[in-house]
Full PDB file with SEQRES, HELIX, SHEET, SSBOND, CRYST1, ORIGX, SCALE, CONECT and MASTER records, all heavy atoms in Angstrom:
SEQRES   1 A   33  PRO THR PRO HIS ALA SER ALA LEU GLN PRO GLU LEU THR          
SEQRES   2 A   33  ALA LEU LEU ASP ARG LEU SER ASP PHE LEU ASN ALA ALA          
SEQRES   3 A   33  HIS ILE PHE ASP PRO GLN THR                                  
HELIX    1 AA1 PRO A    3  ASN A   24  1                                  22    
HELIX    2 AA2 ALA A   25  HIS A   27  5                                   3    
CRYST1    1.000    1.000    1.000  90.00  90.00  90.00 P 1           1          
ORIGX1      1.000000  0.000000  0.000000        0.00000                         
ORIGX2      0.000000  1.000000  0.000000        0.00000                         
ORIGX3      0.000000  0.000000  1.000000        0.00000                         
SCALE1      1.000000  0.000000  0.000000        0.00000                         
SCALE2      0.000000  1.000000  0.000000        0.00000                         
SCALE3      0.000000  0.000000  1.000000        0.00000                         
ATOM      1  N   PRO A   1       5.552  19.317   7.466  1.00  0.00           N  
ATOM      2  CA  PRO A   1       5.003  18.282   8.334  1.00  0.00           C  
ATOM      3  C   PRO A   1       5.708  18.256   9.679  1.00  0.00           C  
ATOM      4  O   PRO A   1       6.904  18.543   9.775  1.00  0.00           O  
ATOM      5  CB  PRO A   1       5.250  16.982   7.544  1.00  0.00           C  
ATOM      6  CG  PRO A   1       6.403  17.295   6.658  1.00  0.00           C  
ATOM      7  CD  PRO A   1       6.287  18.748   6.311  1.00  0.00           C  
ATOM      8  N   THR A   2       4.968  17.931  10.716  1.00  0.00           N  
ATOM      9  CA  THR A   2       5.568  17.759  12.032  1.00  0.00           C  
ATOM     10  C   THR A   2       6.366  16.459  12.039  1.00  0.00           C  
ATOM     11  O   THR A   2       6.212  15.606  11.153  1.00  0.00           O  
ATOM     12  CB  THR A   2       4.481  17.692  13.110  1.00  0.00           C  
ATOM     13  OG1 THR A   2       3.696  16.502  12.896  1.00  0.00           O  
ATOM     14  CG2 THR A   2       3.592  18.919  13.086  1.00  0.00           C  
ATOM     15  N   PRO A   3       7.238  16.272  13.036  1.00  0.00           N  
ATOM     16  CA  PRO A   3       7.983  15.000  13.114  1.00  0.00           C  
ATOM     17  C   PRO A   3       7.056  13.784  13.136  1.00  0.00           C  
ATOM     18  O   PRO A   3       7.371  12.746  12.545  1.00  0.00           O  
ATOM     19  CB  PRO A   3       8.762  15.141  14.418  1.00  0.00           C  
ATOM     20  CG  PRO A   3       8.960  16.610  14.582  1.00  0.00           C  
ATOM     21  CD  PRO A   3       7.707  17.238  14.065  1.00  0.00           C  
ATOM     22  N   HIS A   4       5.926  13.921  13.816  1.00  0.00           N  
ATOM     23  CA  HIS A   4       4.993  12.779  13.867  1.00  0.00           C  
ATOM     24  C   HIS A   4       4.427  12.475  12.485  1.00  0.00           C  
ATOM     25  O   HIS A   4       4.324  11.310  12.087  1.00  0.00           O  
ATOM     26  CB  HIS A   4       3.860  13.093  14.847  1.00  0.00           C  
ATOM     27  CG  HIS A   4       2.942  11.927  15.068  1.00  0.00           C  
ATOM     28  ND1 HIS A   4       3.388  10.698  15.497  1.00  0.00           N  
ATOM     29  CD2 HIS A   4       1.589  11.800  14.900  1.00  0.00           C  
ATOM     30  CE1 HIS A   4       2.369   9.866  15.592  1.00  0.00           C  
ATOM     31  NE2 HIS A   4       1.255  10.518  15.237  1.00  0.00           N  
ATOM     32  N   ALA A   5       4.058  13.525  11.731  1.00  0.00           N  
ATOM     33  CA  ALA A   5       3.539  13.312  10.376  1.00  0.00           C  
ATOM     34  C   ALA A   5       4.593  12.688   9.480  1.00  0.00           C  
ATOM     35  O   ALA A   5       4.302  11.793   8.683  1.00  0.00           O  
ATOM     36  CB  ALA A   5       3.047  14.630   9.783  1.00  0.00           C  
ATOM     37  N   SER A   6       5.849  13.145   9.609  1.00  0.00           N  
ATOM     38  CA  SER A   6       6.938  12.580   8.799  1.00  0.00           C  
ATOM     39  C   SER A   6       7.156  11.113   9.134  1.00  0.00           C  
ATOM     40  O   SER A   6       7.437  10.291   8.246  1.00  0.00           O  
ATOM     41  CB  SER A   6       8.227  13.370   9.033  1.00  0.00           C  
ATOM     42  OG  SER A   6       8.086  14.713   8.577  1.00  0.00           O  
ATOM     43  N   ALA A   7       7.025  10.784  10.435  1.00  0.00           N  
ATOM     44  CA  ALA A   7       7.201   9.391  10.833  1.00  0.00           C  
ATOM     45  C   ALA A   7       6.089   8.505  10.284  1.00  0.00           C  
ATOM     46  O   ALA A   7       6.292   7.310  10.038  1.00  0.00           O  
ATOM     47  CB  ALA A   7       7.255   9.291  12.362  1.00  0.00           C  
ATOM     48  N   LEU A   8       4.906   9.071  10.092  1.00  0.00           N  
ATOM     49  CA  LEU A   8       3.783   8.302   9.574  1.00  0.00           C  
ATOM     50  C   LEU A   8       3.890   8.013   8.080  1.00  0.00           C  
ATOM     51  O   LEU A   8       3.282   7.057   7.581  1.00  0.00           O  
ATOM     52  CB  LEU A   8       2.473   9.047   9.826  1.00  0.00           C  
ATOM     53  CG  LEU A   8       1.990   9.156  11.272  1.00  0.00           C  
ATOM     54  CD1 LEU A   8       0.725  10.010  11.316  1.00  0.00           C  
ATOM     55  CD2 LEU A   8       1.727   7.789  11.862  1.00  0.00           C  
ATOM     56  N   GLN A   9       4.648   8.831   7.343  1.00  0.00           N  
ATOM     57  CA  GLN A   9       4.612   8.746   5.878  1.00  0.00           C  
ATOM     58  C   GLN A   9       4.992   7.365   5.341  1.00  0.00           C  
ATOM     59  O   GLN A   9       4.265   6.811   4.506  1.00  0.00           O  
ATOM     60  CB  GLN A   9       5.493   9.821   5.257  1.00  0.00           C  
ATOM     61  CG  GLN A   9       5.373   9.853   3.725  1.00  0.00           C  
ATOM     62  CD  GLN A   9       5.957  11.121   3.124  1.00  0.00           C  
ATOM     63  OE1 GLN A   9       6.750  11.805   3.768  1.00  0.00           O  
ATOM     64  NE2 GLN A   9       5.561  11.445   1.914  1.00  0.00           N  
ATOM     65  N   PRO A  10       6.112   6.747   5.754  1.00  0.00           N  
ATOM     66  CA  PRO A  10       6.409   5.418   5.189  1.00  0.00           C  
ATOM     67  C   PRO A  10       5.366   4.372   5.563  1.00  0.00           C  
ATOM     68  O   PRO A  10       5.051   3.487   4.766  1.00  0.00           O  
ATOM     69  CB  PRO A  10       7.786   5.079   5.785  1.00  0.00           C  
ATOM     70  CG  PRO A  10       7.947   5.968   6.980  1.00  0.00           C  
ATOM     71  CD  PRO A  10       7.199   7.215   6.654  1.00  0.00           C  
ATOM     72  N   GLU A  11       4.830   4.488   6.800  1.00  0.00           N  
ATOM     73  CA  GLU A  11       3.787   3.550   7.204  1.00  0.00           C  
ATOM     74  C   GLU A  11       2.515   3.762   6.383  1.00  0.00           C  
ATOM     75  O   GLU A  11       1.854   2.802   5.984  1.00  0.00           O  
ATOM     76  CB  GLU A  11       3.473   3.721   8.691  1.00  0.00           C  
ATOM     77  CG  GLU A  11       4.661   3.506   9.616  1.00  0.00           C  
ATOM     78  CD  GLU A  11       5.022   2.035   9.757  1.00  0.00           C  
ATOM     79  OE1 GLU A  11       4.371   1.201   9.093  1.00  0.00           O  
ATOM     80  OE2 GLU A  11       5.945   1.724  10.515  1.00  0.00           O  
ATOM     81  N   LEU A  12       2.176   5.011   6.134  1.00  0.00           N  
ATOM     82  CA  LEU A  12       0.986   5.322   5.350  1.00  0.00           C  
ATOM     83  C   LEU A  12       1.128   4.825   3.914  1.00  0.00           C  
ATOM     84  O   LEU A  12       0.197   4.261   3.336  1.00  0.00           O  
ATOM     85  CB  LEU A  12       0.734   6.831   5.371  1.00  0.00           C  
ATOM     86  CG  LEU A  12      -0.433   7.345   4.520  1.00  0.00           C  
ATOM     87  CD1 LEU A  12      -1.750   6.739   4.998  1.00  0.00           C  
ATOM     88  CD2 LEU A  12      -0.495   8.866   4.555  1.00  0.00           C  
ATOM     89  N   THR A  13       2.308   5.025   3.330  1.00  0.00           N  
ATOM     90  CA  THR A  13       2.549   4.556   1.965  1.00  0.00           C  
ATOM     91  C   THR A  13       2.375   3.041   1.878  1.00  0.00           C  
ATOM     92  O   THR A  13       1.732   2.520   0.959  1.00  0.00           O  
ATOM     93  CB  THR A  13       3.953   4.953   1.506  1.00  0.00           C  
ATOM     94  OG1 THR A  13       4.072   6.379   1.527  1.00  0.00           O  
ATOM     95  CG2 THR A  13       4.236   4.439   0.094  1.00  0.00           C  
ATOM     96  N   ALA A  14       2.950   2.332   2.855  1.00  0.00           N  
ATOM     97  CA  ALA A  14       2.822   0.869   2.862  1.00  0.00           C  
ATOM     98  C   ALA A  14       1.370   0.448   3.046  1.00  0.00           C  
ATOM     99  O   ALA A  14       0.894  -0.509   2.413  1.00  0.00           O  
ATOM    100  CB  ALA A  14       3.690   0.273   3.971  1.00  0.00           C  
ATOM    101  N   LEU A  15       0.647   1.160   3.908  1.00  0.00           N  
ATOM    102  CA  LEU A  15      -0.747   0.829   4.155  1.00  0.00           C  
ATOM    103  C   LEU A  15      -1.599   1.023   2.907  1.00  0.00           C  
ATOM    104  O   LEU A  15      -2.420   0.168   2.558  1.00  0.00           O  
ATOM    105  CB  LEU A  15      -1.282   1.695   5.297  1.00  0.00           C  
ATOM    106  CG  LEU A  15      -2.764   1.523   5.656  1.00  0.00           C  
ATOM    107  CD1 LEU A  15      -3.053   0.081   6.061  1.00  0.00           C  
ATOM    108  CD2 LEU A  15      -3.148   2.479   6.768  1.00  0.00           C  
ATOM    109  N   LEU A  16      -1.400   2.123   2.202  1.00  0.00           N  
ATOM    110  CA  LEU A  16      -2.172   2.371   0.979  1.00  0.00           C  
ATOM    111  C   LEU A  16      -1.819   1.362  -0.108  1.00  0.00           C  
ATOM    112  O   LEU A  16      -2.676   0.946  -0.894  1.00  0.00           O  
ATOM    113  CB  LEU A  16      -1.942   3.802   0.488  1.00  0.00           C  
ATOM    114  CG  LEU A  16      -2.536   4.900   1.379  1.00  0.00           C  
ATOM    115  CD1 LEU A  16      -2.146   6.279   0.867  1.00  0.00           C  
ATOM    116  CD2 LEU A  16      -4.054   4.777   1.472  1.00  0.00           C  
ATOM    117  N   ASP A  17      -0.547   0.977  -0.151  1.00  0.00           N  
ATOM    118  CA  ASP A  17      -0.151  -0.064  -1.112  1.00  0.00           C  
ATOM    119  C   ASP A  17      -0.860  -1.374  -0.801  1.00  0.00           C  
ATOM    120  O   ASP A  17      -1.327  -2.084  -1.709  1.00  0.00           O  
ATOM    121  CB  ASP A  17       1.363  -0.265  -1.082  1.00  0.00           C  
ATOM    122  CG  ASP A  17       2.117   0.879  -1.751  1.00  0.00           C  
ATOM    123  OD1 ASP A  17       1.475   1.658  -2.492  1.00  0.00           O  
ATOM    124  OD2 ASP A  17       3.335   1.000  -1.512  1.00  0.00           O  
ATOM    125  N   ARG A  18      -0.931  -1.691   0.484  1.00  0.00           N  
ATOM    126  CA  ARG A  18      -1.606  -2.940   0.874  1.00  0.00           C  
ATOM    127  C   ARG A  18      -3.094  -2.868   0.564  1.00  0.00           C  
ATOM    128  O   ARG A  18      -3.703  -3.855   0.126  1.00  0.00           O  
ATOM    129  CB  ARG A  18      -1.401  -3.210   2.359  1.00  0.00           C  
ATOM    130  CG  ARG A  18       0.028  -3.622   2.716  1.00  0.00           C  
ATOM    131  CD  ARG A  18       0.090  -4.171   4.117  1.00  0.00           C  
ATOM    132  NE  ARG A  18      -0.687  -5.397   4.216  1.00  0.00           N  
ATOM    133  CZ  ARG A  18      -0.890  -6.052   5.364  1.00  0.00           C  
ATOM    134  NH1 ARG A  18      -0.389  -5.564   6.484  1.00  0.00           N  
ATOM    135  NH2 ARG A  18      -1.594  -7.160   5.388  1.00  0.00           N  
ATOM    136  N   LEU A  19      -3.676  -1.711   0.788  1.00  0.00           N  
ATOM    137  CA  LEU A  19      -5.090  -1.557   0.469  1.00  0.00           C  
ATOM    138  C   LEU A  19      -5.324  -1.703  -1.025  1.00  0.00           C  
ATOM    139  O   LEU A  19      -6.277  -2.340  -1.462  1.00  0.00           O  
ATOM    140  CB  LEU A  19      -5.592  -0.197   0.953  1.00  0.00           C  
ATOM    141  CG  LEU A  19      -7.050   0.138   0.614  1.00  0.00           C  
ATOM    142  CD1 LEU A  19      -7.987  -0.898   1.210  1.00  0.00           C  
ATOM    143  CD2 LEU A  19      -7.414   1.533   1.099  1.00  0.00           C  
ATOM    144  N   SER A  20      -4.431  -1.124  -1.833  1.00  0.00           N  
ATOM    145  CA  SER A  20      -4.551  -1.247  -3.283  1.00  0.00           C  
ATOM    146  C   SER A  20      -4.442  -2.704  -3.711  1.00  0.00           C  
ATOM    147  O   SER A  20      -5.214  -3.187  -4.552  1.00  0.00           O  
ATOM    148  CB  SER A  20      -3.474  -0.401  -3.978  1.00  0.00           C  
ATOM    149  OG  SER A  20      -3.536  -0.552  -5.376  1.00  0.00           O  
ATOM    150  N   ASP A  21      -3.477  -3.423  -3.103  1.00  0.00           N  
ATOM    151  CA  ASP A  21      -3.333  -4.849  -3.413  1.00  0.00           C  
ATOM    152  C   ASP A  21      -4.585  -5.618  -3.011  1.00  0.00           C  
ATOM    153  O   ASP A  21      -5.033  -6.526  -3.717  1.00  0.00           O  
ATOM    154  CB  ASP A  21      -2.115  -5.430  -2.689  1.00  0.00           C  
ATOM    155  CG  ASP A  21      -0.806  -4.871  -3.234  1.00  0.00           C  
ATOM    156  OD1 ASP A  21      -0.814  -4.331  -4.357  1.00  0.00           O  
ATOM    157  OD2 ASP A  21       0.213  -4.979  -2.523  1.00  0.00           O  
ATOM    158  N   PHE A  22      -5.144  -5.258  -1.846  1.00  0.00           N  
ATOM    159  CA  PHE A  22      -6.345  -5.929  -1.357  1.00  0.00           C  
ATOM    160  C   PHE A  22      -7.512  -5.735  -2.327  1.00  0.00           C  
ATOM    161  O   PHE A  22      -8.242  -6.678  -2.641  1.00  0.00           O  
ATOM    162  CB  PHE A  22      -6.702  -5.371   0.025  1.00  0.00           C  
ATOM    163  CG  PHE A  22      -8.029  -5.827   0.560  1.00  0.00           C  
ATOM    164  CD1 PHE A  22      -8.182  -7.091   1.097  1.00  0.00           C  
ATOM    165  CD2 PHE A  22      -9.139  -4.990   0.511  1.00  0.00           C  
ATOM    166  CE1 PHE A  22      -9.407  -7.518   1.590  1.00  0.00           C  
ATOM    167  CE2 PHE A  22     -10.358  -5.401   0.995  1.00  0.00           C  
ATOM    168  CZ  PHE A  22     -10.497  -6.672   1.538  1.00  0.00           C  
ATOM    169  N   LEU A  23      -7.683  -4.507  -2.794  1.00  0.00           N  
ATOM    170  CA  LEU A  23      -8.803  -4.217  -3.685  1.00  0.00           C  
ATOM    171  C   LEU A  23      -8.627  -4.841  -5.055  1.00  0.00           C  
ATOM    172  O   LEU A  23      -9.607  -5.156  -5.734  1.00  0.00           O  
ATOM    173  CB  LEU A  23      -8.979  -2.700  -3.821  1.00  0.00           C  
ATOM    174  CG  LEU A  23      -9.377  -1.953  -2.544  1.00  0.00           C  
ATOM    175  CD1 LEU A  23      -9.385  -0.452  -2.786  1.00  0.00           C  
ATOM    176  CD2 LEU A  23     -10.743  -2.423  -2.058  1.00  0.00           C  
ATOM    177  N   ASN A  24      -7.376  -5.006  -5.495  1.00  0.00           N  
ATOM    178  CA  ASN A  24      -7.121  -5.507  -6.842  1.00  0.00           C  
ATOM    179  C   ASN A  24      -6.809  -6.989  -6.889  1.00  0.00           C  
ATOM    180  O   ASN A  24      -6.696  -7.560  -7.976  1.00  0.00           O  
ATOM    181  CB  ASN A  24      -5.949  -4.742  -7.480  1.00  0.00           C  
ATOM    182  CG  ASN A  24      -6.288  -3.302  -7.765  1.00  0.00           C  
ATOM    183  OD1 ASN A  24      -7.411  -2.982  -8.120  1.00  0.00           O  
ATOM    184  ND2 ASN A  24      -5.328  -2.411  -7.587  1.00  0.00           N  
ATOM    185  N   ALA A  25      -6.674  -7.627  -5.711  1.00  0.00           N  
ATOM    186  CA  ALA A  25      -6.202  -9.008  -5.679  1.00  0.00           C  
ATOM    187  C   ALA A  25      -7.052  -9.934  -6.528  1.00  0.00           C  
ATOM    188  O   ALA A  25      -6.539 -10.787  -7.245  1.00  0.00           O  
ATOM    189  CB  ALA A  25      -6.148  -9.507  -4.238  1.00  0.00           C  
ATOM    190  N   ALA A  26      -8.371  -9.793  -6.442  1.00  0.00           N  
ATOM    191  CA  ALA A  26      -9.254 -10.709  -7.162  1.00  0.00           C  
ATOM    192  C   ALA A  26      -9.349 -10.389  -8.648  1.00  0.00           C  
ATOM    193  O   ALA A  26      -9.900 -11.169  -9.412  1.00  0.00           O  
ATOM    194  CB  ALA A  26     -10.657 -10.670  -6.544  1.00  0.00           C  
ATOM    195  N   HIS A  27      -8.816  -9.240  -9.083  1.00  0.00           N  
ATOM    196  CA  HIS A  27      -8.974  -8.830 -10.477  1.00  0.00           C  
ATOM    197  C   HIS A  27      -7.656  -8.854 -11.245  1.00  0.00           C  
ATOM    198  O   HIS A  27      -7.620  -8.467 -12.397  1.00  0.00           O  
ATOM    199  CB  HIS A  27      -9.572  -7.426 -10.537  1.00  0.00           C  
ATOM    200  CG  HIS A  27     -10.936  -7.346  -9.912  1.00  0.00           C  
ATOM    201  ND1 HIS A  27     -12.066  -7.824 -10.528  1.00  0.00           N  
ATOM    202  CD2 HIS A  27     -11.348  -6.871  -8.711  1.00  0.00           C  
ATOM    203  CE1 HIS A  27     -13.113  -7.642  -9.753  1.00  0.00           C  
ATOM    204  NE2 HIS A  27     -12.714  -7.067  -8.642  1.00  0.00           N  
ATOM    205  N   ILE A  28      -6.589  -9.274 -10.592  1.00  0.00           N  
ATOM    206  CA  ILE A  28      -5.291  -9.332 -11.249  1.00  0.00           C  
ATOM    207  C   ILE A  28      -4.810 -10.779 -11.238  1.00  0.00           C  
ATOM    208  O   ILE A  28      -4.783 -11.420 -10.191  1.00  0.00           O  
ATOM    209  CB  ILE A  28      -4.260  -8.426 -10.547  1.00  0.00           C  
ATOM    210  CG1 ILE A  28      -4.709  -6.964 -10.621  1.00  0.00           C  
ATOM    211  CG2 ILE A  28      -2.882  -8.600 -11.167  1.00  0.00           C  
ATOM    212  CD1 ILE A  28      -3.794  -6.016  -9.870  1.00  0.00           C  
ATOM    213  N   PHE A  29      -4.447 -11.282 -12.391  1.00  0.00           N  
ATOM    214  CA  PHE A  29      -3.930 -12.643 -12.477  1.00  0.00           C  
ATOM    215  C   PHE A  29      -2.759 -12.659 -13.430  1.00  0.00           C  
ATOM    216  O   PHE A  29      -2.878 -12.238 -14.589  1.00  0.00           O  
ATOM    217  CB  PHE A  29      -5.022 -13.606 -12.968  1.00  0.00           C  
ATOM    218  CG  PHE A  29      -4.504 -14.999 -13.202  1.00  0.00           C  
ATOM    219  CD1 PHE A  29      -4.140 -15.801 -12.139  1.00  0.00           C  
ATOM    220  CD2 PHE A  29      -4.378 -15.494 -14.491  1.00  0.00           C  
ATOM    221  CE1 PHE A  29      -3.656 -17.083 -12.350  1.00  0.00           C  
ATOM    222  CE2 PHE A  29      -3.897 -16.769 -14.721  1.00  0.00           C  
ATOM    223  CZ  PHE A  29      -3.541 -17.568 -13.644  1.00  0.00           C  
ATOM    224  N   ASP A  30      -1.628 -13.117 -12.956  1.00  0.00           N  
ATOM    225  CA  ASP A  30      -0.428 -13.215 -13.767  1.00  0.00           C  
ATOM    226  C   ASP A  30      -0.036 -14.683 -13.864  1.00  0.00           C  
ATOM    227  O   ASP A  30       0.453 -15.267 -12.896  1.00  0.00           O  
ATOM    228  CB  ASP A  30       0.710 -12.409 -13.134  1.00  0.00           C  
ATOM    229  CG  ASP A  30       1.979 -12.443 -13.982  1.00  0.00           C  
ATOM    230  OD1 ASP A  30       1.954 -13.063 -15.065  1.00  0.00           O  
ATOM    231  OD2 ASP A  30       3.001 -11.866 -13.561  1.00  0.00           O  
ATOM    232  N   PRO A  31      -0.263 -15.327 -15.004  1.00  0.00           N  
ATOM    233  CA  PRO A  31       0.062 -16.745 -15.132  1.00  0.00           C  
ATOM    234  C   PRO A  31       1.530 -17.049 -14.829  1.00  0.00           C  
ATOM    235  O   PRO A  31       1.842 -18.108 -14.279  1.00  0.00           O  
ATOM    236  CB  PRO A  31      -0.280 -17.062 -16.597  1.00  0.00           C  
ATOM    237  CG  PRO A  31      -1.250 -16.013 -16.999  1.00  0.00           C  
ATOM    238  CD  PRO A  31      -0.860 -14.782 -16.240  1.00  0.00           C  
ATOM    239  N   GLN A  32       2.424 -16.142 -15.173  1.00  0.00           N  
ATOM    240  CA  GLN A  32       3.852 -16.403 -14.996  1.00  0.00           C  
ATOM    241  C   GLN A  32       4.259 -16.512 -13.529  1.00  0.00           C  
ATOM    242  O   GLN A  32       5.234 -17.187 -13.206  1.00  0.00           O  
ATOM    243  CB  GLN A  32       4.679 -15.297 -15.670  1.00  0.00           C  
ATOM    244  CG  GLN A  32       4.736 -15.412 -17.175  1.00  0.00           C  
ATOM    245  CD  GLN A  32       5.476 -16.659 -17.635  1.00  0.00           C  
ATOM    246  OE1 GLN A  32       6.509 -17.030 -17.071  1.00  0.00           O  
ATOM    247  NE2 GLN A  32       4.959 -17.314 -18.673  1.00  0.00           N  
ATOM    248  N   THR A  33       3.516 -15.869 -12.638  1.00  0.00           N  
ATOM    249  CA  THR A  33       3.913 -15.871 -11.224  1.00  0.00           C  
ATOM    250  C   THR A  33       2.934 -16.623 -10.327  1.00  0.00           C  
ATOM    251  O   THR A  33       3.248 -16.865  -9.160  1.00  0.00           O  
ATOM    252  CB  THR A  33       4.021 -14.425 -10.701  1.00  0.00           C  
ATOM    253  OG1 THR A  33       2.744 -13.759 -10.848  1.00  0.00           O  
ATOM    254  CG2 THR A  33       5.078 -13.662 -11.488  1.00  0.00           C  
TER     255      THR A  33                                                      
MASTER        0    0    0    2    0    0    0    6  254    1    0    3          
END                                                                             
């Protein structure tokens, strides 16, 4: 990867995690939390 691609990786990981949370938010319910 180029330096720019390497710099994007942590941001991309966080973005995909947020997207996953967004898509699953209405279908996940944890009474304890």
